[in-house]
PDB file of N, CA and C in Angstrom:
ATOM      1  N   MET A   1      51.037   5.619 -46.193  1.00  0.00           N
ATOM      2  CA  MET A   1      50.515   4.851 -45.359  1.00  0.00           C
ATOM      3  C   MET A   1      49.049   4.432 -45.606  1.00  0.00           C
ATOM      4  N   LEU A   2      49.173   2.845 -45.802  1.00  0.00           N
ATOM      5  CA  LEU A   2      47.812   2.361 -46.306  1.00  0.00           C
ATOM      6  C   LEU A   2      47.342   1.593 -45.048  1.00  0.00           C
ATOM      7  N   ILE A   3      45.911   1.610 -45.031  1.00  0.00           N
ATOM      8  CA  ILE A   3      44.951   1.411 -44.013  1.00  0.00           C
ATOM      9  C   ILE A   3      44.228   0.309 -44.793  1.00  0.00           C
ATOM     10  N   ASN A   4      44.283  -0.870 -43.749  1.00  0.00           N
ATOM     11  CA  ASN A   4      43.393  -2.076 -44.230  1.00  0.00           C
ATOM     12  C   ASN A   4      42.229  -1.962 -43.821  1.00  0.00           C
ATOM     13  N   PRO A   5      41.345  -2.011 -44.918  1.00  0.00           N
ATOM     14  CA  PRO A   5      39.797  -1.620 -44.079  1.00  0.00           C
ATOM     15  C   PRO A   5      39.377  -2.934 -43.793  1.00  0.00           C
ATOM     16  N   ILE A   6      38.601  -3.008 -42.636  1.00  0.00           N
ATOM     17  CA  ILE A   6      38.039  -3.967 -42.120  1.00  0.00           C
ATOM     18  C   ILE A   6      36.686  -4.444 -42.913  1.00  0.00           C
ATOM     19  N   PRO A   7      36.419  -5.676 -43.497  1.00  0.00           N
ATOM     20  CA  PRO A   7      34.973  -5.684 -44.287  1.00  0.00           C
ATOM     21  C   PRO A   7      34.147  -5.410 -43.145  1.00  0.00           C
ATOM     22  N   ALA A   8      32.829  -4.966 -44.024  1.00  0.00           N
ATOM     23  CA  ALA A   8      31.655  -4.813 -42.938  1.00  0.00           C
ATOM     24  C   ALA A   8      31.026  -5.991 -42.331  1.00  0.00           C
ATOM     25  N   ARG A   9      31.432  -7.173 -43.111  1.00  0.00           N
ATOM     26  CA  ARG A   9      30.752  -8.485 -42.572  1.00  0.00           C
ATOM     27  C   ARG A   9      31.586  -8.828 -41.004  1.00  0.00           C
ATOM     28  N   ARG A  10      32.788  -8.695 -41.113  1.00  0.00           N
ATOM     29  CA  ARG A  10      33.458  -8.885 -39.886  1.00  0.00           C
ATOM     30  C   ARG A  10      33.066  -8.155 -38.400  1.00  0.00           C
ATOM     31  N   ILE A  11      32.867  -6.817 -39.044  1.00  0.00           N
ATOM     32  CA  ILE A  11      32.435  -5.682 -37.845  1.00  0.00           C
ATOM     33  C   ILE A  11      30.905  -6.106 -37.361  1.00  0.00           C
ATOM     34  N   LEU A  12      30.075  -6.700 -38.277  1.00  0.00           N
ATOM     35  CA  LEU A  12      28.946  -7.000 -37.890  1.00  0.00           C
ATOM     36  C   LEU A  12      28.823  -8.337 -37.055  1.00  0.00           C
ATOM     37  N   ALA A  13      29.615  -9.305 -37.608  1.00  0.00           N
ATOM     38  CA  ALA A  13      30.019 -10.545 -36.888  1.00  0.00           C
ATOM     39  C   ALA A  13      30.371 -10.265 -35.215  1.00  0.00           C
ATOM     40  N   ALA A  14      31.268  -9.389 -35.175  1.00  0.00           N
ATOM     41  CA  ALA A  14      32.160  -8.850 -33.762  1.00  0.00           C
ATOM     42  C   ALA A  14      30.799  -8.176 -33.053  1.00  0.00           C
ATOM     43  N   ALA A  15      30.143  -7.462 -33.347  1.00  0.00           N
ATOM     44  CA  ALA A  15      29.082  -6.848 -32.947  1.00  0.00           C
ATOM     45  C   ALA A  15      28.088  -7.704 -32.200  1.00  0.00           C
ATOM     46  N   PHE A  16      27.636  -8.703 -33.105  1.00  0.00           N
ATOM     47  CA  PHE A  16      26.644  -9.605 -33.020  1.00  0.00           C
ATOM     48  C   PHE A  16      27.215 -10.387 -31.855  1.00  0.00           C
ATOM     49  N   GLY A  17      28.372 -10.871 -32.045  1.00  0.00           N
ATOM     50  CA  GLY A  17      28.965 -11.804 -31.314  1.00  0.00           C
ATOM     51  C   GLY A  17      29.213 -11.292 -29.656  1.00  0.00           C
ATOM     52  N   ALA A  18      29.598  -9.993 -29.752  1.00  0.00           N
ATOM     53  CA  ALA A  18      29.583  -9.305 -28.237  1.00  0.00           C
ATOM     54  C   ALA A  18      28.257  -9.225 -27.719  1.00  0.00           C
ATOM     55  N   LEU A  19      27.007  -8.849 -28.417  1.00  0.00           N
ATOM     56  CA  LEU A  19      25.883  -8.828 -27.870  1.00  0.00           C
ATOM     57  C   LEU A  19      25.395 -10.111 -27.453  1.00  0.00           C
ATOM     58  N   ALA A  20      25.667 -11.341 -28.089  1.00  0.00           N
ATOM     59  CA  ALA A  20      25.475 -12.557 -27.727  1.00  0.00           C
ATOM     60  C   ALA A  20      26.027 -13.007 -26.546  1.00  0.00           C
ATOM     61  N   VAL A  21      27.263 -12.600 -26.244  1.00  0.00           N
ATOM     62  CA  VAL A  21      28.047 -12.804 -24.990  1.00  0.00           C
ATOM     63  C   VAL A  21      27.347 -12.054 -23.849  1.00  0.00           C
ATOM     64  N   PHE A  22      27.360 -10.569 -24.044  1.00  0.00           N
ATOM     65  CA  PHE A  22      26.819  -9.773 -23.043  1.00  0.00           C
ATOM     66  C   PHE A  22      25.462 -10.212 -22.665  1.00  0.00           C
ATOM     67  N   GLY A  23      24.478 -10.264 -23.815  1.00  0.00           N
ATOM     68  CA  GLY A  23      23.177 -10.844 -23.195  1.00  0.00           C
ATOM     69  C   GLY A  23      23.106 -12.192 -22.592  1.00  0.00           C
ATOM     70  N   SER A  24      23.937 -13.089 -22.688  1.00  0.00           N
ATOM     71  CA  SER A  24      23.845 -14.375 -22.014  1.00  0.00           C
ATOM     72  C   SER A  24      24.495 -14.084 -20.416  1.00  0.00           C
ATOM     73  N   VAL A  25      25.490 -13.373 -20.503  1.00  0.00           N
ATOM     74  CA  VAL A  25      26.045 -12.708 -19.036  1.00  0.00           C
ATOM     75  C   VAL A  25      25.171 -12.123 -18.135  1.00  0.00           C
ATOM     76  N   ALA A  26      24.252 -11.117 -18.740  1.00  0.00           N
ATOM     77  CA  ALA A  26      23.069 -10.223 -18.298  1.00  0.00           C
ATOM     78  C   ALA A  26      22.020 -10.964 -17.854  1.00  0.00           C
ATOM     79  N   THR A  27      21.742 -12.068 -18.460  1.00  0.00           N
ATOM     80  CA  THR A  27      20.742 -13.053 -18.241  1.00  0.00           C
ATOM     81  C   THR A  27      20.755 -13.768 -17.313  1.00  0.00           C
ATOM     82  N   ALA A  28      21.876 -14.537 -17.337  1.00  0.00           N
ATOM     83  CA  ALA A  28      22.389 -15.292 -16.145  1.00  0.00           C
ATOM     84  C   ALA A  28      22.722 -14.895 -14.807  1.00  0.00           C
ATOM     85  N   SER A  29      23.274 -13.480 -14.616  1.00  0.00           N
ATOM     86  CA  SER A  29      23.144 -12.887 -13.647  1.00  0.00           C
ATOM     87  C   SER A  29      22.322 -12.010 -13.283  1.00  0.00           C
ATOM     88  N   ALA A  30      21.144 -11.651 -13.966  1.00  0.00           N
ATOM     89  CA  ALA A  30      20.430 -10.941 -13.109  1.00  0.00           C
ATOM     90  C   ALA A  30      19.224 -11.779 -12.514  1.00  0.00           C
ATOM     91  N   GLU A  31      18.791 -11.239 -11.342  1.00  0.00           N
ATOM     92  CA  GLU A  31      17.788 -11.901 -10.285  1.00  0.00           C
ATOM     93  C   GLU A  31      16.617 -11.649 -10.809  1.00  0.00           C
ATOM     94  N   PRO A  32      15.516 -12.611 -10.526  1.00  0.00           N
ATOM     95  CA  PRO A  32      14.187 -12.286 -11.231  1.00  0.00           C
ATOM     96  C   PRO A  32      13.671 -11.127 -10.575  1.00  0.00           C
ATOM     97  N   LEU A  33      12.827 -10.396 -11.367  1.00  0.00           N
ATOM     98  CA  LEU A  33      12.393  -9.192 -10.733  1.00  0.00           C
ATOM     99  C   LEU A  33      11.200  -9.523  -9.720  1.00  0.00           C
ATOM    100  N   PRO A  34      10.908  -8.835  -8.817  1.00  0.00           N
ATOM    101  CA  PRO A  34       9.694  -9.029  -7.929  1.00  0.00           C
ATOM    102  C   PRO A  34       8.439  -8.832  -8.462  1.00  0.00           C
ATOM    103  N   PRO A  35       7.449  -9.705  -8.226  1.00  0.00           N
ATOM    104  CA  PRO A  35       6.260  -9.468  -8.699  1.00  0.00           C
ATOM    105  C   PRO A  35       5.679  -8.024  -8.483  1.00  0.00           C
ATOM    106  N   PRO A  36       4.987  -7.729  -9.283  1.00  0.00           N
ATOM    107  CA  PRO A  36       4.297  -6.200  -9.331  1.00  0.00           C
ATOM    108  C   PRO A  36       3.477  -6.002  -7.970  1.00  0.00           C
ATOM    109  N   PRO A  37       3.030  -5.045  -7.467  1.00  0.00           N
ATOM    110  CA  PRO A  37       2.050  -5.125  -6.628  1.00  0.00           C
ATOM    111  C   PRO A  37       0.853  -5.015  -6.932  1.00  0.00           C
ATOM    112  N   PRO A  38      -0.207  -5.495  -6.128  1.00  0.00           N
ATOM    113  CA  PRO A  38      -1.406  -5.667  -6.633  1.00  0.00           C
ATOM    114  C   PRO A  38      -1.860  -4.302  -7.135  1.00  0.00           C
ATOM    115  N   PRO A  39      -2.893  -4.128  -7.783  1.00  0.00           N
ATOM    116  CA  PRO A  39      -3.262  -2.904  -8.364  1.00  0.00           C
ATOM    117  C   PRO A  39      -3.947  -2.160  -7.153  1.00  0.00           C
ATOM    118  N   ASN A  40      -3.804  -0.777  -7.541  1.00  0.00           N
ATOM    119  CA  ASN A  40      -4.357   0.045  -6.251  1.00  0.00           C
ATOM    120  C   ASN A  40      -3.754   0.116  -4.954  1.00  0.00           C
ATOM    121  N   CYS A  41      -2.648  -0.307  -4.846  1.00  0.00           N
ATOM    122  CA  CYS A  41      -1.821  -0.479  -3.478  1.00  0.00           C
ATOM    123  C   CYS A  41      -0.570   0.390  -3.269  1.00  0.00           C
ATOM    124  N   THR A  42      -0.683   1.589  -3.990  1.00  0.00           N
ATOM    125  CA  THR A  42       0.594   2.411  -3.946  1.00  0.00           C
ATOM    126  C   THR A  42       0.399   3.256  -2.713  1.00  0.00           C
ATOM    127  N   ALA A  43       1.363   4.169  -2.286  1.00  0.00           N
ATOM    128  CA  ALA A  43       1.329   4.882  -1.199  1.00  0.00           C
ATOM    129  C   ALA A  43       0.241   5.988  -1.281  1.00  0.00           C
ATOM    130  N   ALA A  44       0.199   6.296  -2.563  1.00  0.00           N
ATOM    131  CA  ALA A  44      -1.000   7.469  -2.695  1.00  0.00           C
ATOM    132  C   ALA A  44      -2.262   6.951  -2.445  1.00  0.00           C
ATOM    133  N   ASP A  45      -2.573   5.546  -2.988  1.00  0.00           N
ATOM    134  CA  ASP A  45      -3.563   4.757  -2.691  1.00  0.00           C
ATOM    135  C   ASP A  45      -4.038   4.712  -1.393  1.00  0.00           C
ATOM    136  N   LEU A  46      -3.011   4.424  -0.673  1.00  0.00           N
ATOM    137  CA  LEU A  46      -3.252   4.382   0.911  1.00  0.00           C
ATOM    138  C   LEU A  46      -3.635   5.651   1.802  1.00  0.00           C
ATOM    139  N   ALA A  47      -3.140   6.694   1.184  1.00  0.00           N
ATOM    140  CA  ALA A  47      -3.429   7.932   1.477  1.00  0.00           C
ATOM    141  C   ALA A  47      -4.792   8.379   1.345  1.00  0.00           C
ATOM    142  N   GLY A  48      -5.157   8.129  -0.047  1.00  0.00           N
ATOM    143  CA  GLY A  48      -6.614   8.482  -0.369  1.00  0.00           C
ATOM    144  C   GLY A  48      -7.527   7.511   0.506  1.00  0.00           C
ATOM    145  N   VAL A  49      -7.299   6.277   0.857  1.00  0.00           N
ATOM    146  CA  VAL A  49      -8.031   5.405   1.737  1.00  0.00           C
ATOM    147  C   VAL A  49      -8.237   6.068   2.962  1.00  0.00           C
ATOM    148  N   ILE A  50      -7.015   6.278   3.586  1.00  0.00           N
ATOM    149  CA  ILE A  50      -7.001   6.742   4.894  1.00  0.00           C
ATOM    150  C   ILE A  50      -7.630   8.174   5.231  1.00  0.00           C
ATOM    151  N   ALA A  51      -7.360   8.987   4.155  1.00  0.00           N
ATOM    152  CA  ALA A  51      -8.234  10.420   3.976  1.00  0.00           C
ATOM    153  C   ALA A  51      -9.685  10.197   4.097  1.00  0.00           C
ATOM    154  N   GLY A  52     -10.109   9.324   3.329  1.00  0.00           N
ATOM    155  CA  GLY A  52     -11.442   9.041   3.085  1.00  0.00           C
ATOM    156  C   GLY A  52     -12.199   8.572   4.496  1.00  0.00           C
ATOM    157  N   VAL A  53     -11.418   7.683   5.282  1.00  0.00           N
ATOM    158  CA  VAL A  53     -12.012   7.056   6.442  1.00  0.00           C
ATOM    159  C   VAL A  53     -11.789   8.324   7.284  1.00  0.00           C
ATOM    160  N   THR A  54     -11.021   8.895   7.341  1.00  0.00           N
ATOM    161  CA  THR A  54     -10.668  10.114   8.720  1.00  0.00           C
ATOM    162  C   THR A  54     -12.052  11.139   8.316  1.00  0.00           C
ATOM    163  N   ALA A  55     -12.102  11.615   7.144  1.00  0.00           N
ATOM    164  CA  ALA A  55     -13.232  12.345   6.632  1.00  0.00           C
ATOM    165  C   ALA A  55     -14.544  11.753   7.199  1.00  0.00           C
ATOM    166  N   ALA A  56     -14.894  10.503   6.988  1.00  0.00           N
ATOM    167  CA  ALA A  56     -16.044   9.912   7.201  1.00  0.00           C
ATOM    168  C   ALA A  56     -16.191   9.931   8.708  1.00  0.00           C
ATOM    169  N   THR A  57     -15.119   9.635   9.414  1.00  0.00           N
ATOM    170  CA  THR A  57     -15.255   9.256  10.793  1.00  0.00           C
ATOM    171  C   THR A  57     -15.552  10.643  11.305  1.00  0.00           C
ATOM    172  N   SER A  58     -14.750  11.848  11.185  1.00  0.00           N
ATOM    173  CA  SER A  58     -14.836  13.029  11.575  1.00  0.00           C
ATOM    174  C   SER A  58     -16.503  13.470  11.233  1.00  0.00           C
ATOM    175  N   ALA A  59     -17.098  13.394   9.982  1.00  0.00           N
ATOM    176  CA  ALA A  59     -18.338  13.744   9.769  1.00  0.00           C
ATOM    177  C   ALA A  59     -19.300  13.009  10.806  1.00  0.00           C
ATOM    178  N   TYR A  60     -19.122  11.518  10.868  1.00  0.00           N
ATOM    179  CA  TYR A  60     -19.840  10.685  11.755  1.00  0.00           C
ATOM    180  C   TYR A  60     -19.750  11.446  13.332  1.00  0.00           C
ATOM    181  N   LEU A  61     -18.796  11.706  13.651  1.00  0.00           N
ATOM    182  CA  LEU A  61     -18.598  12.027  14.977  1.00  0.00           C
ATOM    183  C   LEU A  61     -19.199  13.453  15.362  1.00  0.00           C
ATOM    184  N   PHE A  62     -19.075  14.385  14.529  1.00  0.00           N
ATOM    185  CA  PHE A  62     -19.829  15.530  14.486  1.00  0.00           C
ATOM    186  C   PHE A  62     -21.480  15.424  14.392  1.00  0.00           C
ATOM    187  N   THR A  63     -21.791  14.656  13.479  1.00  0.00           N
ATOM    188  CA  THR A  63     -23.322  14.180  13.555  1.00  0.00           C
ATOM    189  C   THR A  63     -23.881  13.334  14.695  1.00  0.00           C
ATOM    190  N   HIS A  64     -22.885  12.727  15.638  1.00  0.00           N
ATOM    191  CA  HIS A  64     -23.478  11.868  16.493  1.00  0.00           C
ATOM    192  C   HIS A  64     -22.644  12.469  17.787  1.00  0.00           C
ATOM    193  N   PRO A  65     -23.071  13.399  18.400  1.00  0.00           N
ATOM    194  CA  PRO A  65     -22.533  14.097  19.447  1.00  0.00           C
ATOM    195  C   PRO A  65     -22.255  13.163  20.823  1.00  0.00           C
ATOM    196  N   PRO A  66     -23.014  12.400  21.128  1.00  0.00           N
ATOM    197  CA  PRO A  66     -22.849  11.345  22.177  1.00  0.00           C
ATOM    198  C   PRO A  66     -21.689  10.396  22.110  1.00  0.00           C
ATOM    199  N   VAL A  67     -21.575   9.871  20.783  1.00  0.00           N
ATOM    200  CA  VAL A  67     -20.485   9.092  20.396  1.00  0.00           C
ATOM    201  C   VAL A  67     -19.327   9.927  20.603  1.00  0.00           C
ATOM    202  N   ASN A  68     -19.107  11.237  20.129  1.00  0.00           N
ATOM    203  CA  ASN A  68     -17.928  12.121  19.971  1.00  0.00           C
ATOM    204  C   ASN A  68     -17.506  12.417  21.259  1.00  0.00           C
ATOM    205  N   ASP A  69     -18.542  12.537  22.402  1.00  0.00           N
ATOM    206  CA  ASP A  69     -18.356  12.905  23.898  1.00  0.00           C
ATOM    207  C   ASP A  69     -17.508  11.571  24.301  1.00  0.00           C
ATOM    208  N   PHE A  70     -17.995  10.540  23.854  1.00  0.00           N
ATOM    209  CA  PHE A  70     -17.568   9.466  24.584  1.00  0.00           C
ATOM    210  C   PHE A  70     -16.081   9.131  23.942  1.00  0.00           C
ATOM    211  N   PHE A  71     -15.978   9.389  22.780  1.00  0.00           N
ATOM    212  CA  PHE A  71     -14.294   9.280  22.224  1.00  0.00           C
ATOM    213  C   PHE A  71     -13.545  10.304  22.789  1.00  0.00           C
ATOM    214  N   THR A  72     -14.082  11.394  22.998  1.00  0.00           N
ATOM    215  CA  THR A  72     -13.296  12.561  23.660  1.00  0.00           C
ATOM    216  C   THR A  72     -12.948  12.393  24.943  1.00  0.00           C
ATOM    217  N   GLY A  73     -13.824  11.783  25.685  1.00  0.00           N
ATOM    218  CA  GLY A  73     -13.485  11.603  27.211  1.00  0.00           C
ATOM    219  C   GLY A  73     -12.408  10.235  27.354  1.00  0.00           C
ATOM    220  N   LEU A  74     -12.179   9.680  26.208  1.00  0.00           N
ATOM    221  CA  LEU A  74     -10.998   8.520  26.429  1.00  0.00           C
ATOM    222  C   LEU A  74      -9.709   9.150  26.233  1.00  0.00           C
ATOM    223  N   GLN A  75      -9.362  10.475  26.051  1.00  0.00           N
ATOM    224  CA  GLN A  75      -8.197  10.786  25.888  1.00  0.00           C
ATOM    225  C   GLN A  75      -7.304  11.119  27.262  1.00  0.00           C
ATOM    226  N   ASP A  76      -7.548  11.101  28.408  1.00  0.00           N
ATOM    227  CA  ASP A  76      -6.841  11.224  29.507  1.00  0.00           C
ATOM    228  C   ASP A  76      -6.802   9.500  30.112  1.00  0.00           C
ATOM    229  N   LYS A  77      -7.168   8.415  29.370  1.00  0.00           N
ATOM    230  CA  LYS A  77      -7.237   7.236  29.954  1.00  0.00           C
ATOM    231  C   LYS A  77      -5.895   6.524  29.688  1.00  0.00           C
ATOM    232  N   THR A  78      -5.505   5.408  30.391  1.00  0.00           N
ATOM    233  CA  THR A  78      -4.543   4.571  29.797  1.00  0.00           C
ATOM    234  C   THR A  78      -5.033   3.644  28.792  1.00  0.00           C
ATOM    235  N   GLN A  79      -3.904   3.066  27.859  1.00  0.00           N
ATOM    236  CA  GLN A  79      -4.414   2.279  26.906  1.00  0.00           C
ATOM    237  C   GLN A  79      -5.499   1.249  27.443  1.00  0.00           C
ATOM    238  N   GLU A  80      -5.101   0.433  28.494  1.00  0.00           N
ATOM    239  CA  GLU A  80      -5.715  -0.562  29.023  1.00  0.00           C
ATOM    240  C   GLU A  80      -7.334   0.012  29.355  1.00  0.00           C
ATOM    241  N   GLU A  81      -7.406   1.355  30.021  1.00  0.00           N
ATOM    242  CA  GLU A  81      -8.619   1.845  30.346  1.00  0.00           C
ATOM    243  C   GLU A  81      -9.730   1.889  29.154  1.00  0.00           C
ATOM    244  N   ARG A  82      -8.772   2.530  28.099  1.00  0.00           N
ATOM    245  CA  ARG A  82      -9.662   2.889  26.806  1.00  0.00           C
ATOM    246  C   ARG A  82      -9.915   1.705  26.128  1.00  0.00           C
ATOM    247  N   ARG A  83      -9.426   0.412  26.323  1.00  0.00           N
ATOM    248  CA  ARG A  83      -9.789  -0.602  25.573  1.00  0.00           C
ATOM    249  C   ARG A  83     -11.040  -1.282  26.070  1.00  0.00           C
ATOM    250  N   ALA A  84     -10.894  -1.452  27.729  1.00  0.00           N
ATOM    251  CA  ALA A  84     -11.935  -1.951  28.554  1.00  0.00           C
ATOM    252  C   ALA A  84     -13.315  -0.970  28.098  1.00  0.00           C
ATOM    253  N   GLU A  85     -13.169   0.390  28.120  1.00  0.00           N
ATOM    254  CA  GLU A  85     -14.175   1.269  28.240  1.00  0.00           C
ATOM    255  C   GLU A  85     -14.763   1.048  26.559  1.00  0.00           C
ATOM    256  N   LEU A  86     -14.059   1.133  25.782  1.00  0.00           N
ATOM    257  CA  LEU A  86     -14.385   1.035  24.243  1.00  0.00           C
ATOM    258  C   LEU A  86     -15.215  -0.442  24.031  1.00  0.00           C
ATOM    259  N   SER A  87     -14.669  -1.222  24.568  1.00  0.00           N
ATOM    260  CA  SER A  87     -15.182  -2.661  24.489  1.00  0.00           C
ATOM    261  C   SER A  87     -16.635  -2.764  24.904  1.00  0.00           C
ATOM    262  N   ALA A  88     -16.655  -2.167  26.205  1.00  0.00           N
ATOM    263  CA  ALA A  88     -18.189  -2.038  26.799  1.00  0.00           C
ATOM    264  C   ALA A  88     -18.852  -1.102  26.029  1.00  0.00           C
ATOM    265  N   TYR A  89     -18.491   0.086  25.888  1.00  0.00           N
ATOM    266  CA  TYR A  89     -19.257   1.007  25.083  1.00  0.00           C
ATOM    267  C   TYR A  89     -19.912   0.214  23.705  1.00  0.00           C
ATOM    268  N   MET A  90     -19.218  -0.271  22.895  1.00  0.00           N
ATOM    269  CA  MET A  90     -19.641  -0.980  21.824  1.00  0.00           C
ATOM    270  C   MET A  90     -20.745  -2.088  21.921  1.00  0.00           C
ATOM    271  N   ASP A  91     -20.484  -2.991  22.926  1.00  0.00           N
ATOM    272  CA  ASP A  91     -21.337  -3.870  23.421  1.00  0.00           C
ATOM    273  C   ASP A  91     -22.678  -3.443  23.799  1.00  0.00           C
ATOM    274  N   VAL A  92     -22.671  -2.330  24.345  1.00  0.00           N
ATOM    275  CA  VAL A  92     -23.890  -1.569  24.585  1.00  0.00           C
ATOM    276  C   VAL A  92     -24.506  -0.740  23.619  1.00  0.00           C
ATOM    277  N   ASN A  93     -23.810  -0.489  22.712  1.00  0.00           N
ATOM    278  CA  ASN A  93     -24.205   0.360  21.528  1.00  0.00           C
ATOM    279  C   ASN A  93     -23.833  -0.438  19.895  1.00  0.00           C
ATOM    280  N   PRO A  94     -24.532  -1.584  19.782  1.00  0.00           N
ATOM    281  CA  PRO A  94     -23.943  -2.369  18.611  1.00  0.00           C
ATOM    282  C   PRO A  94     -24.276  -1.613  17.221  1.00  0.00           C
ATOM    283  N   GLN A  95     -25.183  -0.737  17.171  1.00  0.00           N
ATOM    284  CA  GLN A  95     -25.433   0.142  16.163  1.00  0.00           C
ATOM    285  C   GLN A  95     -24.315   1.166  15.629  1.00  0.00           C
ATOM    286  N   VAL A  96     -23.619   1.850  16.678  1.00  0.00           N
ATOM    287  CA  VAL A  96     -22.562   2.622  16.783  1.00  0.00           C
ATOM    288  C   VAL A  96     -21.272   1.616  16.326  1.00  0.00           C
ATOM    289  N   ARG A  97     -21.473   0.483  16.783  1.00  0.00           N
ATOM    290  CA  ARG A  97     -20.016  -0.303  16.522  1.00  0.00           C
ATOM    291  C   ARG A  97     -20.305  -0.777  14.947  1.00  0.00           C
ATOM    292  N   ASP A  98     -21.471  -1.260  14.630  1.00  0.00           N
ATOM    293  CA  ASP A  98     -21.487  -1.311  12.974  1.00  0.00           C
ATOM    294  C   ASP A  98     -21.283  -0.202  12.112  1.00  0.00           C
ATOM    295  N   GLU A  99     -21.852   1.120  12.623  1.00  0.00           N
ATOM    296  CA  GLU A  99     -21.662   2.282  11.606  1.00  0.00           C
ATOM    297  C   GLU A  99     -20.206   2.442  11.413  1.00  0.00           C
ATOM    298  N   LEU A 100     -19.564   2.555  12.659  1.00  0.00           N
ATOM    299  CA  LEU A 100     -18.222   2.760  12.704  1.00  0.00           C
ATOM    300  C   LEU A 100     -17.149   1.867  11.893  1.00  0.00           C
ATOM    301  N   ARG A 101     -17.608   0.420  11.922  1.00  0.00           N
ATOM    302  CA  ARG A 101     -16.932  -0.625  11.099  1.00  0.00           C
ATOM    303  C   ARG A 101     -17.355  -0.503   9.581  1.00  0.00           C
ATOM    304  N   GLY A 102     -18.217   0.007   9.511  1.00  0.00           N
ATOM    305  CA  GLY A 102     -18.682   0.389   7.944  1.00  0.00           C
ATOM    306  C   GLY A 102     -17.725   1.541   7.609  1.00  0.00           C
ATOM    307  N   ILE A 103     -17.752   2.301   8.266  1.00  0.00           N
ATOM    308  CA  ILE A 103     -16.739   3.599   7.928  1.00  0.00           C
ATOM    309  C   ILE A 103     -15.341   3.193   7.654  1.00  0.00           C
ATOM    310  N   ARG A 104     -14.931   2.232   8.485  1.00  0.00           N
ATOM    311  CA  ARG A 104     -13.396   1.878   8.470  1.00  0.00           C
ATOM    312  C   ARG A 104     -13.219   0.708   7.488  1.00  0.00           C
ATOM    313  N   GLN A 105     -14.339   0.151   6.902  1.00  0.00           N
ATOM    314  CA  GLN A 105     -14.299  -0.922   6.052  1.00  0.00           C
ATOM    315  C   GLN A 105     -13.328  -0.652   4.820  1.00  0.00           C
ATOM    316  N   PRO A 106     -13.472   0.416   4.021  1.00  0.00           N
ATOM    317  CA  PRO A 106     -12.252   0.454   2.855  1.00  0.00           C
ATOM    318  C   PRO A 106     -10.753   0.356   3.382  1.00  0.00           C
ATOM    319  N   SER A 107     -10.562   0.613   4.710  1.00  0.00           N
ATOM    320  CA  SER A 107      -9.091   0.516   5.193  1.00  0.00           C
ATOM    321  C   SER A 107      -8.799  -0.856   5.538  1.00  0.00           C
ATOM    322  N   THR A 108      -9.988  -1.712   6.020  1.00  0.00           N
ATOM    323  CA  THR A 108      -9.756  -3.177   5.974  1.00  0.00           C
ATOM    324  C   THR A 108      -9.629  -3.619   4.658  1.00  0.00           C
ATOM    325  N   ASP A 109     -10.400  -3.429   4.031  1.00  0.00           N
ATOM    326  CA  ASP A 109     -10.366  -4.009   2.760  1.00  0.00           C
ATOM    327  C   ASP A 109      -8.902  -3.796   1.884  1.00  0.00           C
ATOM    328  N   PHE A 110      -8.236  -2.242   2.024  1.00  0.00           N
ATOM    329  CA  PHE A 110      -7.341  -2.107   1.564  1.00  0.00           C
ATOM    330  C   PHE A 110      -6.074  -3.085   2.085  1.00  0.00           C
ATOM    331  N   ARG A 111      -6.003  -3.143   3.486  1.00  0.00           N
ATOM    332  CA  ARG A 111      -5.089  -3.991   3.937  1.00  0.00           C
ATOM    333  C   ARG A 111      -5.046  -5.619   3.512  1.00  0.00           C
ATOM    334  N   ALA A 112      -6.604  -6.038   3.315  1.00  0.00           N
ATOM    335  CA  ALA A 112      -6.690  -7.408   2.797  1.00  0.00           C
ATOM    336  C   ALA A 112      -6.187  -7.505   1.514  1.00  0.00           C
ATOM    337  N   ARG A 113      -6.367  -6.621   0.746  1.00  0.00           N
ATOM    338  CA  ARG A 113      -5.963  -6.655  -0.957  1.00  0.00           C
ATOM    339  C   ARG A 113      -4.546  -6.334  -0.933  1.00  0.00           C
ATOM    340  N   CYS A 114      -3.966  -5.676   0.032  1.00  0.00           N
ATOM    341  CA  CYS A 114      -2.549  -5.141  -0.469  1.00  0.00           C
ATOM    342  C   CYS A 114      -1.284  -5.698   0.502  1.00  0.00           C
ATOM    343  N   ASP A 115      -1.942  -6.278   1.740  1.00  0.00           N
ATOM    344  CA  ASP A 115      -0.758  -6.533   2.787  1.00  0.00           C
ATOM    345  C   ASP A 115      -0.634  -7.932   2.518  1.00  0.00           C
ATOM    346  N   ASN A 116      -0.083  -8.493   1.487  1.00  0.00           N
ATOM    347  CA  ASN A 116       0.265  -9.982   1.131  1.00  0.00           C
ATOM    348  C   ASN A 116       1.573 -10.398   1.906  1.00  0.00           C
TER     349      ASN A 116
END
């Protein structure tokens, strides 16, 4: 039995032809990739920011007992009562308000950078 050998040129031409057809089909049907997220906006980055803000808040409250007592006293209040008392407290204590805003600033910056 004789086998007709296929010239290498034909095999290469068929392979390139198949690649060209597959490539054009794959390119035409592929949806565009979503843009990459901004840098440092991963879940791990968020967890790190939250951990830092939480640790700094804890340290602040431990070193400012009257502020800690105020926030501890809000536990049994309704949400409306907490909001009203917190607003009044911050109006009377602008330094505390500004210091707590500074502690929360990394969280604010993360949201501004990553929540597009």
